[in-house]
Amino acid sequence: METIHLLKDNTLLSKFLSEMRDSRIQQDRLRFRRNIERAGEIVAYEISKHFQYKDIDVTTPLGHAQCHVPANPLVVGTILRAGLPFHHGFLNYLDEAENAFVSAYRKYKDRLNFDIYIEYIASPDLTDKTLILVDPMLATGGSMELAYRALLTKGSPKRVHMASIIASRQAVDYLEEKFADEPITLWIADIDPDLDEHSYIVPGLGDAGDLAYGEKL
């Protein structure tokens, strides 16, 4: 696995992330969702530099132009529910991609300990396609690992990218260990140093799903 830390260099993504983290600004739910969506657009653009491309001939009003388009079919996969605005950001740029959805949630055994469960998968055939699996927050890395392994029941992709906005250092280390020998690229906007006792990212930004869609029972 290769890990690419996008905010090792400052870009506009830095500004959008600062607003996502700001406890005052993030109370504007629409703005929060849009910033996650914009992050998806930026990460999609960065990932597109690693696609394979093919030449096509396009007829213009004045002649013909040789253009280049992605050569491999794309599938954008998302972990519900916090991943939805991130997913839409990817689709804004990768508008011809197919889509996959996986539910992953924590089931607590007590106040601090939990297992991660997968209950729902909707996916096209992934065989020989490029899979981009997105989740805005990687706390432990467990949801990303289980969602990916669940999607493999739908076929073997030719190329795999995993993408997130904020990951803990522990999650990055966990995924790099689990997928050490696999040709997967992990794209992270920023990496935070710690997890608290509840396995929430510190400093993080809070619960992305609740901030985007409202608190759940």
N, C-alpha and C. Protein backbone atom coordinates (compact mmCIF):
# COMPACT_ATOMS: atom_id res chain seq x y z
N MET A 1 0.83 -1.20 0.00
CA MET A 1 0.00 0.00 0.00
C MET A 1 0.87 1.25 0.00
N GLU A 2 0.47 2.20 -0.82
CA GLU A 2 1.11 3.52 -0.84
C GLU A 2 0.15 4.53 -0.20
N THR A 3 0.67 5.37 0.69
CA THR A 3 -0.14 6.41 1.32
C THR A 3 0.29 7.78 0.81
N ILE A 4 -0.69 8.57 0.36
CA ILE A 4 -0.43 9.92 -0.11
C ILE A 4 -1.13 10.90 0.81
N HIS A 5 -0.33 11.72 1.50
CA HIS A 5 -0.82 12.73 2.46
C HIS A 5 -0.92 14.06 1.72
N LEU A 6 -2.12 14.42 1.29
CA LEU A 6 -2.29 15.55 0.38
C LEU A 6 -1.90 16.89 1.01
N LEU A 7 -2.16 17.07 2.30
CA LEU A 7 -1.88 18.37 2.91
C LEU A 7 -0.48 18.47 3.51
N LYS A 8 0.42 17.61 3.04
CA LYS A 8 1.83 17.89 3.30
C LYS A 8 2.22 19.19 2.60
N ASP A 9 1.49 19.52 1.54
CA ASP A 9 1.64 20.80 0.84
C ASP A 9 0.30 21.53 0.91
N ASN A 10 0.34 22.83 1.22
CA ASN A 10 -0.89 23.59 1.36
C ASN A 10 -1.56 23.84 0.01
N THR A 11 -2.87 23.64 -0.02
CA THR A 11 -3.69 23.95 -1.18
C THR A 11 -5.01 24.51 -0.65
N LEU A 12 -5.96 24.79 -1.57
CA LEU A 12 -7.29 25.22 -1.14
C LEU A 12 -7.97 24.20 -0.24
N LEU A 13 -7.57 22.95 -0.35
CA LEU A 13 -8.13 21.93 0.52
C LEU A 13 -7.89 22.27 1.99
N SER A 14 -6.79 22.96 2.28
CA SER A 14 -6.49 23.38 3.65
C SER A 14 -7.59 24.28 4.20
N LYS A 15 -8.07 25.21 3.37
CA LYS A 15 -9.12 26.13 3.81
C LYS A 15 -10.42 25.39 4.07
N PHE A 16 -10.81 24.50 3.15
CA PHE A 16 -12.05 23.77 3.33
C PHE A 16 -11.99 22.91 4.59
N LEU A 17 -10.83 22.30 4.84
CA LEU A 17 -10.70 21.46 6.02
C LEU A 17 -10.75 22.30 7.29
N SER A 18 -10.17 23.50 7.27
CA SER A 18 -10.22 24.36 8.45
C SER A 18 -11.66 24.69 8.81
N GLU A 19 -12.52 24.90 7.80
CA GLU A 19 -13.92 25.19 8.07
C GLU A 19 -14.66 23.97 8.57
N MET A 20 -14.31 22.79 8.05
CA MET A 20 -14.93 21.55 8.55
C MET A 20 -14.61 21.33 10.03
N ARG A 21 -13.41 21.69 10.43
CA ARG A 21 -12.98 21.46 11.81
C ARG A 21 -13.56 22.50 12.77
N ASP A 22 -13.86 23.70 12.30
CA ASP A 22 -14.25 24.83 13.15
C ASP A 22 -15.63 24.58 13.76
N SER A 23 -15.70 24.44 15.08
CA SER A 23 -16.95 24.09 15.75
C SER A 23 -18.02 25.16 15.57
N ARG A 24 -17.64 26.38 15.26
CA ARG A 24 -18.61 27.45 15.02
C ARG A 24 -19.14 27.36 13.60
N ILE A 25 -18.24 27.26 12.62
CA ILE A 25 -18.67 27.23 11.21
C ILE A 25 -19.42 25.93 10.90
N GLN A 26 -19.02 24.83 11.50
CA GLN A 26 -19.61 23.54 11.14
C GLN A 26 -21.08 23.41 11.57
N GLN A 27 -21.58 24.35 12.38
CA GLN A 27 -23.00 24.32 12.74
C GLN A 27 -23.90 24.64 11.56
N ASP A 28 -23.33 25.24 10.52
CA ASP A 28 -24.06 25.44 9.27
C ASP A 28 -23.98 24.13 8.50
N ARG A 29 -25.04 23.33 8.61
CA ARG A 29 -25.02 21.96 8.07
C ARG A 29 -24.82 21.94 6.56
N LEU A 30 -25.45 22.89 5.88
CA LEU A 30 -25.31 22.94 4.43
C LEU A 30 -23.86 23.22 4.04
N ARG A 31 -23.24 24.17 4.74
CA ARG A 31 -21.84 24.50 4.45
C ARG A 31 -20.93 23.33 4.77
N PHE A 32 -21.22 22.62 5.86
CA PHE A 32 -20.40 21.46 6.23
C PHE A 32 -20.46 20.40 5.13
N ARG A 33 -21.67 20.09 4.67
CA ARG A 33 -21.80 19.09 3.61
C ARG A 33 -21.09 19.54 2.34
N ARG A 34 -21.23 20.82 2.01
CA ARG A 34 -20.61 21.31 0.78
C ARG A 34 -19.09 21.26 0.87
N ASN A 35 -18.52 21.53 2.05
CA ASN A 35 -17.07 21.45 2.20
C ASN A 35 -16.58 20.01 2.06
N ILE A 36 -17.34 19.05 2.59
CA ILE A 36 -16.96 17.65 2.39
C ILE A 36 -17.05 17.31 0.90
N GLU A 37 -18.09 17.81 0.24
CA GLU A 37 -18.25 17.57 -1.19
C GLU A 37 -17.08 18.16 -1.97
N ARG A 38 -16.69 19.39 -1.63
CA ARG A 38 -15.57 20.02 -2.33
C ARG A 38 -14.28 19.24 -2.10
N ALA A 39 -14.10 18.71 -0.89
CA ALA A 39 -12.93 17.87 -0.64
C ALA A 39 -12.95 16.65 -1.55
N GLY A 40 -14.13 16.06 -1.75
CA GLY A 40 -14.25 14.93 -2.67
C GLY A 40 -13.86 15.29 -4.09
N GLU A 41 -14.26 16.49 -4.52
CA GLU A 41 -13.90 16.94 -5.86
C GLU A 41 -12.38 17.04 -6.02
N ILE A 42 -11.73 17.63 -5.01
CA ILE A 42 -10.28 17.81 -5.08
C ILE A 42 -9.55 16.46 -5.07
N VAL A 43 -9.98 15.57 -4.18
CA VAL A 43 -9.31 14.27 -4.10
C VAL A 43 -9.55 13.47 -5.39
N ALA A 44 -10.75 13.57 -5.95
CA ALA A 44 -11.03 12.89 -7.22
C ALA A 44 -10.08 13.38 -8.31
N TYR A 45 -9.85 14.70 -8.36
CA TYR A 45 -8.93 15.26 -9.34
C TYR A 45 -7.52 14.70 -9.14
N GLU A 46 -7.06 14.64 -7.89
CA GLU A 46 -5.72 14.11 -7.62
C GLU A 46 -5.61 12.65 -8.02
N ILE A 47 -6.62 11.86 -7.69
CA ILE A 47 -6.59 10.44 -8.05
C ILE A 47 -6.60 10.26 -9.56
N SER A 48 -7.30 11.16 -10.28
CA SER A 48 -7.41 11.01 -11.73
C SER A 48 -6.06 11.08 -12.43
N LYS A 49 -5.05 11.66 -11.77
CA LYS A 49 -3.71 11.70 -12.35
C LYS A 49 -3.10 10.31 -12.46
N HIS A 50 -3.69 9.34 -11.74
CA HIS A 50 -3.15 7.98 -11.72
C HIS A 50 -3.99 7.03 -12.56
N PHE A 51 -5.00 7.53 -13.25
CA PHE A 51 -5.80 6.67 -14.13
C PHE A 51 -5.00 6.31 -15.38
N GLN A 52 -5.43 5.25 -16.03
CA GLN A 52 -5.00 4.97 -17.40
C GLN A 52 -5.93 5.72 -18.34
N TYR A 53 -5.40 6.22 -19.44
CA TYR A 53 -6.20 7.00 -20.37
C TYR A 53 -6.11 6.41 -21.77
N LYS A 54 -7.12 6.69 -22.56
CA LYS A 54 -7.13 6.30 -23.97
C LYS A 54 -7.42 7.52 -24.83
N ASP A 55 -6.96 7.47 -26.07
CA ASP A 55 -7.19 8.57 -27.01
C ASP A 55 -8.53 8.40 -27.70
N ILE A 56 -9.25 9.49 -27.85
CA ILE A 56 -10.46 9.48 -28.66
C ILE A 56 -10.42 10.68 -29.61
N ASP A 57 -11.11 10.55 -30.72
CA ASP A 57 -11.19 11.64 -31.70
C ASP A 57 -12.53 12.34 -31.52
N VAL A 58 -12.49 13.64 -31.28
CA VAL A 58 -13.69 14.43 -31.05
C VAL A 58 -13.89 15.41 -32.20
N THR A 59 -15.09 15.44 -32.73
CA THR A 59 -15.41 16.38 -33.80
C THR A 59 -15.84 17.71 -33.20
N THR A 60 -15.13 18.76 -33.52
CA THR A 60 -15.47 20.11 -33.07
C THR A 60 -16.17 20.85 -34.21
N PRO A 61 -16.70 22.05 -33.97
CA PRO A 61 -17.30 22.82 -35.07
C PRO A 61 -16.31 23.16 -36.18
N LEU A 62 -14.99 23.08 -35.87
CA LEU A 62 -13.98 23.50 -36.85
C LEU A 62 -13.04 22.38 -37.28
N GLY A 63 -13.27 21.18 -36.80
CA GLY A 63 -12.36 20.11 -37.20
C GLY A 63 -12.42 18.95 -36.24
N HIS A 64 -11.24 18.36 -35.99
CA HIS A 64 -11.14 17.19 -35.11
C HIS A 64 -10.05 17.45 -34.07
N ALA A 65 -10.29 16.97 -32.86
CA ALA A 65 -9.30 17.09 -31.79
C ALA A 65 -9.08 15.73 -31.15
N GLN A 66 -7.82 15.42 -30.88
CA GLN A 66 -7.52 14.20 -30.16
C GLN A 66 -7.59 14.50 -28.67
N CYS A 67 -8.46 13.77 -27.95
CA CYS A 67 -8.65 13.98 -26.52
C CYS A 67 -8.33 12.70 -25.77
N HIS A 68 -8.27 12.81 -24.47
CA HIS A 68 -7.87 11.69 -23.62
C HIS A 68 -8.91 11.51 -22.52
N VAL A 69 -9.42 10.31 -22.37
CA VAL A 69 -10.43 10.01 -21.37
C VAL A 69 -10.01 8.76 -20.59
N PRO A 70 -10.51 8.60 -19.35
CA PRO A 70 -10.14 7.41 -18.59
C PRO A 70 -10.47 6.14 -19.34
N ALA A 71 -9.54 5.19 -19.29
CA ALA A 71 -9.69 3.96 -20.08
C ALA A 71 -10.34 2.84 -19.28
N ASN A 72 -10.29 2.91 -17.95
CA ASN A 72 -10.79 1.82 -17.14
C ASN A 72 -12.13 2.21 -16.52
N PRO A 73 -13.12 1.34 -16.53
CA PRO A 73 -14.39 1.65 -15.87
C PRO A 73 -14.18 1.94 -14.38
N LEU A 74 -14.93 2.91 -13.87
CA LEU A 74 -14.77 3.38 -12.50
C LEU A 74 -15.97 3.01 -11.65
N VAL A 75 -15.71 2.67 -10.39
CA VAL A 75 -16.76 2.49 -9.39
C VAL A 75 -16.37 3.29 -8.16
N VAL A 76 -17.26 4.19 -7.72
CA VAL A 76 -17.06 4.91 -6.47
C VAL A 76 -17.87 4.21 -5.40
N GLY A 77 -17.20 3.72 -4.37
CA GLY A 77 -17.86 3.04 -3.26
C GLY A 77 -17.82 3.89 -2.01
N THR A 78 -18.89 3.85 -1.23
CA THR A 78 -19.01 4.71 -0.07
C THR A 78 -19.50 3.94 1.14
N ILE A 79 -18.95 4.31 2.29
CA ILE A 79 -19.41 3.76 3.56
C ILE A 79 -20.48 4.70 4.12
N LEU A 80 -21.68 4.18 4.30
CA LEU A 80 -22.81 4.98 4.78
C LEU A 80 -22.65 5.30 6.27
N ARG A 81 -23.20 6.47 6.77
CA ARG A 81 -23.91 7.49 6.03
C ARG A 81 -23.04 8.72 5.82
N ALA A 82 -21.99 8.85 6.65
CA ALA A 82 -21.15 10.05 6.61
C ALA A 82 -20.46 10.22 5.26
N GLY A 83 -20.31 9.11 4.52
CA GLY A 83 -19.60 9.19 3.26
C GLY A 83 -20.39 9.79 2.12
N LEU A 84 -21.69 10.03 2.30
CA LEU A 84 -22.53 10.44 1.16
C LEU A 84 -22.10 11.77 0.53
N PRO A 85 -21.89 12.86 1.29
CA PRO A 85 -21.45 14.09 0.61
C PRO A 85 -20.07 13.97 -0.01
N PHE A 86 -19.19 13.21 0.59
CA PHE A 86 -17.87 12.94 0.02
C PHE A 86 -18.03 12.21 -1.31
N HIS A 87 -18.91 11.23 -1.31
CA HIS A 87 -19.23 10.46 -2.51
C HIS A 87 -19.74 11.38 -3.63
N HIS A 88 -20.63 12.28 -3.29
CA HIS A 88 -21.17 13.20 -4.30
C HIS A 88 -20.08 14.09 -4.88
N GLY A 89 -19.11 14.48 -4.06
CA GLY A 89 -17.99 15.25 -4.58
C GLY A 89 -17.23 14.49 -5.64
N PHE A 90 -16.99 13.20 -5.41
CA PHE A 90 -16.32 12.38 -6.41
C PHE A 90 -17.16 12.29 -7.68
N LEU A 91 -18.48 12.11 -7.52
CA LEU A 91 -19.34 11.97 -8.69
C LEU A 91 -19.43 13.26 -9.50
N ASN A 92 -19.25 14.41 -8.85
CA ASN A 92 -19.26 15.66 -9.59
C ASN A 92 -18.19 15.68 -10.68
N TYR A 93 -17.08 14.99 -10.44
CA TYR A 93 -15.98 14.93 -11.41
C TYR A 93 -15.97 13.62 -12.18
N LEU A 94 -16.31 12.53 -11.51
CA LEU A 94 -16.28 11.21 -12.15
C LEU A 94 -17.72 10.82 -12.46
N ASP A 95 -18.38 11.61 -13.31
CA ASP A 95 -19.83 11.52 -13.46
C ASP A 95 -20.29 10.27 -14.18
N GLU A 96 -19.40 9.55 -14.83
CA GLU A 96 -19.79 8.32 -15.51
C GLU A 96 -19.51 7.07 -14.67
N ALA A 97 -19.05 7.28 -13.44
CA ALA A 97 -18.71 6.14 -12.58
C ALA A 97 -19.97 5.40 -12.13
N GLU A 98 -19.82 4.09 -11.95
CA GLU A 98 -20.85 3.31 -11.26
C GLU A 98 -20.68 3.53 -9.75
N ASN A 99 -21.64 3.02 -8.99
CA ASN A 99 -21.65 3.32 -7.56
C ASN A 99 -21.87 2.07 -6.72
N ALA A 100 -21.21 2.07 -5.55
CA ALA A 100 -21.39 0.99 -4.58
C ALA A 100 -21.58 1.60 -3.20
N PHE A 101 -22.37 0.92 -2.36
CA PHE A 101 -22.64 1.43 -1.01
C PHE A 101 -22.55 0.30 -0.01
N VAL A 102 -21.92 0.60 1.12
CA VAL A 102 -21.75 -0.38 2.19
C VAL A 102 -22.11 0.29 3.50
N SER A 103 -22.89 -0.39 4.33
CA SER A 103 -23.14 0.13 5.68
C SER A 103 -22.16 -0.51 6.65
N ALA A 104 -21.54 0.32 7.47
CA ALA A 104 -20.64 -0.17 8.51
C ALA A 104 -20.92 0.64 9.78
N TYR A 105 -21.11 -0.05 10.88
CA TYR A 105 -21.41 0.69 12.10
C TYR A 105 -20.76 0.01 13.30
N ARG A 106 -20.59 0.82 14.34
CA ARG A 106 -20.02 0.31 15.58
C ARG A 106 -21.14 -0.26 16.46
N LYS A 107 -20.96 -1.48 16.95
CA LYS A 107 -21.86 -2.06 17.93
C LYS A 107 -21.09 -2.21 19.24
N TYR A 108 -21.47 -1.39 20.21
CA TYR A 108 -20.70 -1.31 21.45
C TYR A 108 -21.01 -2.49 22.37
N LYS A 109 -19.95 -3.09 22.89
CA LYS A 109 -20.09 -4.15 23.88
C LYS A 109 -20.19 -3.56 25.28
N ASP A 110 -19.56 -2.42 25.47
CA ASP A 110 -19.68 -1.62 26.70
C ASP A 110 -19.36 -0.19 26.31
N ARG A 111 -19.10 0.68 27.28
CA ARG A 111 -18.95 2.11 27.00
C ARG A 111 -17.79 2.42 26.06
N LEU A 112 -16.74 1.60 26.07
CA LEU A 112 -15.53 1.91 25.32
C LEU A 112 -15.19 0.89 24.23
N ASN A 113 -15.75 -0.30 24.31
CA ASN A 113 -15.34 -1.36 23.39
C ASN A 113 -16.45 -1.68 22.40
N PHE A 114 -16.07 -1.90 21.15
CA PHE A 114 -17.06 -2.14 20.12
C PHE A 114 -16.50 -3.07 19.05
N ASP A 115 -17.43 -3.66 18.30
CA ASP A 115 -17.12 -4.38 17.07
C ASP A 115 -17.74 -3.62 15.91
N ILE A 116 -17.19 -3.81 14.72
CA ILE A 116 -17.73 -3.17 13.53
C ILE A 116 -18.50 -4.20 12.72
N TYR A 117 -19.72 -3.83 12.32
CA TYR A 117 -20.58 -4.74 11.59
C TYR A 117 -20.91 -4.18 10.20
N ILE A 118 -20.93 -5.07 9.23
CA ILE A 118 -21.38 -4.75 7.87
C ILE A 118 -22.75 -5.40 7.69
N GLU A 119 -23.76 -4.61 7.27
CA GLU A 119 -25.10 -5.17 7.13
C GLU A 119 -25.68 -5.04 5.73
N TYR A 120 -25.17 -4.11 4.93
CA TYR A 120 -25.81 -3.83 3.64
C TYR A 120 -24.74 -3.57 2.59
N ILE A 121 -24.90 -4.21 1.43
CA ILE A 121 -24.00 -3.97 0.30
C ILE A 121 -24.84 -3.83 -0.96
N ALA A 122 -24.60 -2.78 -1.71
CA ALA A 122 -25.20 -2.62 -3.04
C ALA A 122 -24.07 -2.23 -3.97
N SER A 123 -23.75 -3.10 -4.93
CA SER A 123 -22.57 -2.87 -5.75
C SER A 123 -22.74 -3.50 -7.13
N PRO A 124 -22.19 -2.87 -8.16
CA PRO A 124 -22.10 -3.54 -9.46
C PRO A 124 -20.97 -4.57 -9.42
N ASP A 125 -20.81 -5.29 -10.50
CA ASP A 125 -19.66 -6.19 -10.65
C ASP A 125 -18.39 -5.34 -10.69
N LEU A 126 -17.43 -5.66 -9.83
CA LEU A 126 -16.20 -4.88 -9.73
C LEU A 126 -15.06 -5.45 -10.58
N THR A 127 -15.30 -6.55 -11.25
CA THR A 127 -14.23 -7.25 -11.97
C THR A 127 -13.54 -6.34 -12.99
N ASP A 128 -12.22 -6.21 -12.83
CA ASP A 128 -11.35 -5.46 -13.75
C ASP A 128 -11.65 -3.96 -13.81
N LYS A 129 -12.35 -3.44 -12.81
CA LYS A 129 -12.64 -2.00 -12.77
C LYS A 129 -11.74 -1.31 -11.75
N THR A 130 -11.72 0.01 -11.79
CA THR A 130 -11.03 0.80 -10.77
C THR A 130 -12.02 1.15 -9.67
N LEU A 131 -11.75 0.68 -8.46
CA LEU A 131 -12.59 0.95 -7.30
C LEU A 131 -11.98 2.09 -6.48
N ILE A 132 -12.80 3.10 -6.21
CA ILE A 132 -12.40 4.18 -5.31
C ILE A 132 -13.34 4.10 -4.11
N LEU A 133 -12.83 3.68 -2.96
CA LEU A 133 -13.63 3.50 -1.75
C LEU A 133 -13.40 4.70 -0.85
N VAL A 134 -14.48 5.41 -0.50
CA VAL A 134 -14.33 6.69 0.19
C VAL A 134 -15.07 6.68 1.52
N ASP A 135 -14.47 7.33 2.51
CA ASP A 135 -15.05 7.53 3.83
C ASP A 135 -14.36 8.75 4.42
N PRO A 136 -15.08 9.80 4.82
CA PRO A 136 -14.41 11.04 5.22
C PRO A 136 -13.54 10.94 6.46
N MET A 137 -13.84 9.99 7.35
CA MET A 137 -13.08 9.88 8.60
C MET A 137 -12.60 8.44 8.78
N LEU A 138 -11.32 8.27 9.05
CA LEU A 138 -10.76 6.96 9.36
C LEU A 138 -10.23 7.01 10.78
N ALA A 139 -11.01 6.50 11.72
CA ALA A 139 -10.60 6.53 13.12
C ALA A 139 -9.66 5.36 13.44
N THR A 140 -10.19 4.14 13.32
CA THR A 140 -9.36 2.95 13.57
C THR A 140 -8.90 2.29 12.27
N GLY A 141 -9.60 2.57 11.18
CA GLY A 141 -9.32 1.89 9.91
C GLY A 141 -10.12 0.62 9.73
N GLY A 142 -10.82 0.18 10.79
CA GLY A 142 -11.55 -1.08 10.72
C GLY A 142 -12.71 -1.07 9.74
N SER A 143 -13.45 0.03 9.69
CA SER A 143 -14.59 0.10 8.77
C SER A 143 -14.13 0.05 7.32
N MET A 144 -13.04 0.75 7.02
CA MET A 144 -12.52 0.74 5.66
C MET A 144 -12.07 -0.66 5.26
N GLU A 145 -11.38 -1.34 6.15
CA GLU A 145 -10.92 -2.70 5.85
C GLU A 145 -12.09 -3.63 5.61
N LEU A 146 -13.08 -3.62 6.51
CA LEU A 146 -14.21 -4.54 6.38
C LEU A 146 -15.07 -4.22 5.17
N ALA A 147 -15.26 -2.92 4.88
CA ALA A 147 -16.04 -2.54 3.71
C ALA A 147 -15.36 -3.01 2.43
N TYR A 148 -14.05 -2.86 2.37
CA TYR A 148 -13.31 -3.31 1.19
C TYR A 148 -13.43 -4.82 1.02
N ARG A 149 -13.25 -5.56 2.10
CA ARG A 149 -13.31 -7.02 2.00
C ARG A 149 -14.73 -7.46 1.64
N ALA A 150 -15.75 -6.74 2.12
CA ALA A 150 -17.13 -7.06 1.75
C ALA A 150 -17.36 -6.83 0.26
N LEU A 151 -16.80 -5.75 -0.28
CA LEU A 151 -16.99 -5.44 -1.70
C LEU A 151 -16.28 -6.45 -2.60
N LEU A 152 -15.24 -7.07 -2.09
CA LEU A 152 -14.54 -8.07 -2.90
C LEU A 152 -15.42 -9.27 -3.22
N THR A 153 -16.54 -9.42 -2.51
CA THR A 153 -17.49 -10.49 -2.86
C THR A 153 -18.21 -10.17 -4.16
N LYS A 154 -18.06 -8.94 -4.65
CA LYS A 154 -18.71 -8.50 -5.89
C LYS A 154 -17.74 -8.48 -7.08
N GLY A 155 -16.56 -9.05 -6.91
CA GLY A 155 -15.60 -9.11 -8.00
C GLY A 155 -14.26 -8.54 -7.60
N SER A 156 -13.24 -8.82 -8.39
CA SER A 156 -11.88 -8.38 -8.10
C SER A 156 -11.53 -7.17 -8.96
N PRO A 157 -11.42 -5.98 -8.34
CA PRO A 157 -11.08 -4.79 -9.13
C PRO A 157 -9.66 -4.85 -9.66
N LYS A 158 -9.44 -4.16 -10.76
CA LYS A 158 -8.10 -4.09 -11.35
C LYS A 158 -7.20 -3.15 -10.56
N ARG A 159 -7.79 -2.08 -10.02
CA ARG A 159 -7.02 -1.06 -9.29
C ARG A 159 -7.87 -0.55 -8.16
N VAL A 160 -7.27 -0.26 -7.00
CA VAL A 160 -8.03 0.18 -5.83
C VAL A 160 -7.40 1.44 -5.24
N HIS A 161 -8.26 2.44 -4.99
CA HIS A 161 -7.89 3.63 -4.25
C HIS A 161 -8.81 3.74 -3.04
N MET A 162 -8.26 4.08 -1.88
CA MET A 162 -9.05 4.40 -0.70
C MET A 162 -8.81 5.87 -0.40
N ALA A 163 -9.88 6.58 -0.02
CA ALA A 163 -9.75 8.02 0.16
C ALA A 163 -10.49 8.47 1.41
N SER A 164 -9.87 9.41 2.14
CA SER A 164 -10.48 9.97 3.34
C SER A 164 -10.03 11.41 3.50
N ILE A 165 -10.76 12.15 4.32
CA ILE A 165 -10.38 13.54 4.59
C ILE A 165 -9.46 13.61 5.80
N ILE A 166 -9.87 13.01 6.91
CA ILE A 166 -9.04 12.98 8.12
C ILE A 166 -8.88 11.54 8.57
N ALA A 167 -7.66 11.14 8.85
CA ALA A 167 -7.38 9.82 9.40
C ALA A 167 -6.51 9.99 10.63
N SER A 168 -6.68 9.10 11.59
CA SER A 168 -5.74 9.07 12.70
C SER A 168 -4.47 8.38 12.25
N ARG A 169 -3.39 8.67 12.93
CA ARG A 169 -2.13 7.98 12.64
C ARG A 169 -2.31 6.47 12.84
N GLN A 170 -3.10 6.08 13.87
CA GLN A 170 -3.33 4.67 14.13
C GLN A 170 -4.03 4.00 12.95
N ALA A 171 -5.01 4.68 12.34
CA ALA A 171 -5.73 4.10 11.22
C ALA A 171 -4.82 3.91 10.01
N VAL A 172 -3.98 4.90 9.75
CA VAL A 172 -3.05 4.78 8.62
C VAL A 172 -2.10 3.61 8.84
N ASP A 173 -1.55 3.52 10.05
CA ASP A 173 -0.64 2.41 10.35
C ASP A 173 -1.35 1.07 10.22
N TYR A 174 -2.59 1.01 10.69
CA TYR A 174 -3.38 -0.24 10.64
C TYR A 174 -3.60 -0.68 9.19
N LEU A 175 -4.03 0.24 8.34
CA LEU A 175 -4.30 -0.12 6.94
C LEU A 175 -3.02 -0.46 6.20
N GLU A 176 -1.94 0.28 6.49
CA GLU A 176 -0.66 -0.03 5.84
C GLU A 176 -0.18 -1.43 6.22
N GLU A 177 -0.47 -1.85 7.45
CA GLU A 177 -0.08 -3.20 7.87
C GLU A 177 -0.99 -4.25 7.22
N LYS A 178 -2.31 -4.00 7.22
CA LYS A 178 -3.25 -4.98 6.69
C LYS A 178 -3.07 -5.18 5.18
N PHE A 179 -2.73 -4.11 4.47
CA PHE A 179 -2.64 -4.18 3.01
C PHE A 179 -1.21 -3.91 2.52
N ALA A 180 -0.25 -4.31 3.32
CA ALA A 180 1.15 -4.00 3.03
C ALA A 180 1.59 -4.45 1.64
N ASP A 181 1.12 -5.60 1.21
CA ASP A 181 1.60 -6.18 -0.05
C ASP A 181 0.59 -6.03 -1.18
N GLU A 182 -0.44 -5.22 -0.98
CA GLU A 182 -1.47 -5.08 -2.01
C GLU A 182 -1.32 -3.75 -2.74
N PRO A 183 -1.60 -3.72 -4.04
CA PRO A 183 -1.43 -2.49 -4.85
C PRO A 183 -2.59 -1.52 -4.64
N ILE A 184 -2.71 -1.02 -3.42
CA ILE A 184 -3.76 -0.08 -3.04
C ILE A 184 -3.11 1.26 -2.71
N THR A 185 -3.73 2.34 -3.16
CA THR A 185 -3.25 3.68 -2.79
C THR A 185 -4.24 4.30 -1.82
N LEU A 186 -3.73 4.76 -0.69
CA LEU A 186 -4.53 5.41 0.34
C LEU A 186 -4.30 6.92 0.25
N TRP A 187 -5.38 7.67 -0.01
CA TRP A 187 -5.32 9.12 -0.16
C TRP A 187 -5.92 9.76 1.08
N ILE A 188 -5.13 10.56 1.78
CA ILE A 188 -5.59 11.22 3.01
C ILE A 188 -5.32 12.72 2.88
N ALA A 189 -6.34 13.53 3.18
CA ALA A 189 -6.10 14.98 3.20
C ALA A 189 -5.18 15.32 4.36
N ASP A 190 -5.55 14.90 5.58
CA ASP A 190 -4.71 15.21 6.73
C ASP A 190 -4.72 14.04 7.72
N ILE A 191 -3.62 13.92 8.46
CA ILE A 191 -3.45 12.84 9.43
C ILE A 191 -3.33 13.46 10.82
N ASP A 192 -4.23 13.06 11.73
CA ASP A 192 -4.23 13.56 13.10
C ASP A 192 -3.52 12.57 14.01
N PRO A 193 -2.95 13.06 15.12
CA PRO A 193 -2.05 12.22 15.90
C PRO A 193 -2.70 11.19 16.81
N ASP A 194 -3.93 11.43 17.27
CA ASP A 194 -4.43 10.61 18.38
C ASP A 194 -5.86 10.14 18.18
N LEU A 195 -6.22 9.12 18.99
CA LEU A 195 -7.60 8.72 19.23
C LEU A 195 -7.88 8.86 20.72
N ASP A 196 -9.13 9.26 21.08
CA ASP A 196 -9.46 9.32 22.50
C ASP A 196 -9.93 7.95 22.97
N GLU A 197 -10.43 7.88 24.20
CA GLU A 197 -10.80 6.58 24.77
C GLU A 197 -11.99 5.94 24.06
N HIS A 198 -12.76 6.77 23.34
CA HIS A 198 -13.90 6.25 22.57
C HIS A 198 -13.53 5.95 21.12
N SER A 199 -12.25 6.05 20.80
CA SER A 199 -11.73 5.85 19.43
C SER A 199 -12.26 6.90 18.46
N TYR A 200 -12.42 8.15 18.95
CA TYR A 200 -12.70 9.29 18.09
C TYR A 200 -11.38 10.01 17.79
N ILE A 201 -11.28 10.55 16.57
CA ILE A 201 -10.05 11.20 16.14
C ILE A 201 -9.87 12.52 16.88
N VAL A 202 -8.64 12.75 17.36
CA VAL A 202 -8.28 13.99 18.07
C VAL A 202 -7.13 14.66 17.32
N PRO A 203 -7.27 15.95 16.91
CA PRO A 203 -8.40 16.86 17.18
C PRO A 203 -9.62 16.61 16.30
N GLY A 204 -9.48 16.01 15.14
CA GLY A 204 -10.61 15.62 14.33
C GLY A 204 -11.56 16.75 14.01
N LEU A 205 -12.86 16.41 13.95
CA LEU A 205 -13.88 17.44 13.73
C LEU A 205 -15.21 17.08 14.37
N GLY A 206 -15.27 15.97 15.08
CA GLY A 206 -16.53 15.50 15.63
C GLY A 206 -17.09 14.37 14.79
N ASP A 207 -18.40 14.13 14.92
CA ASP A 207 -19.07 13.07 14.17
C ASP A 207 -19.53 13.62 12.83
N ALA A 208 -18.88 13.21 11.75
CA ALA A 208 -19.17 13.77 10.43
C ALA A 208 -20.60 13.47 10.00
N GLY A 209 -21.12 12.29 10.32
CA GLY A 209 -22.47 11.94 9.95
C GLY A 209 -23.49 12.82 10.65
N ASP A 210 -23.31 13.04 11.95
CA ASP A 210 -24.22 13.90 12.71
C ASP A 210 -24.15 15.34 12.21
N LEU A 211 -22.95 15.83 11.92
CA LEU A 211 -22.80 17.21 11.45
C LEU A 211 -23.42 17.40 10.08
N ALA A 212 -23.39 16.37 9.26
CA ALA A 212 -23.95 16.48 7.91
C ALA A 212 -25.46 16.30 7.89
N TYR A 213 -25.98 15.39 8.74
CA TYR A 213 -27.37 14.98 8.60
C TYR A 213 -28.20 15.07 9.89
N GLY A 214 -27.60 15.46 11.00
CA GLY A 214 -28.32 15.54 12.26
C GLY A 214 -28.01 14.36 13.16
N GLU A 215 -28.23 14.54 14.44
CA GLU A 215 -27.90 13.51 15.42
C GLU A 215 -28.84 12.32 15.28
N LYS A 216 -28.31 11.15 15.61
CA LYS A 216 -29.08 9.90 15.57
C LYS A 216 -29.30 9.39 16.98
N LEU A 217 -30.33 8.61 17.15
CA LEU A 217 -30.60 8.00 18.46
C LEU A 217 -29.64 6.85 18.73
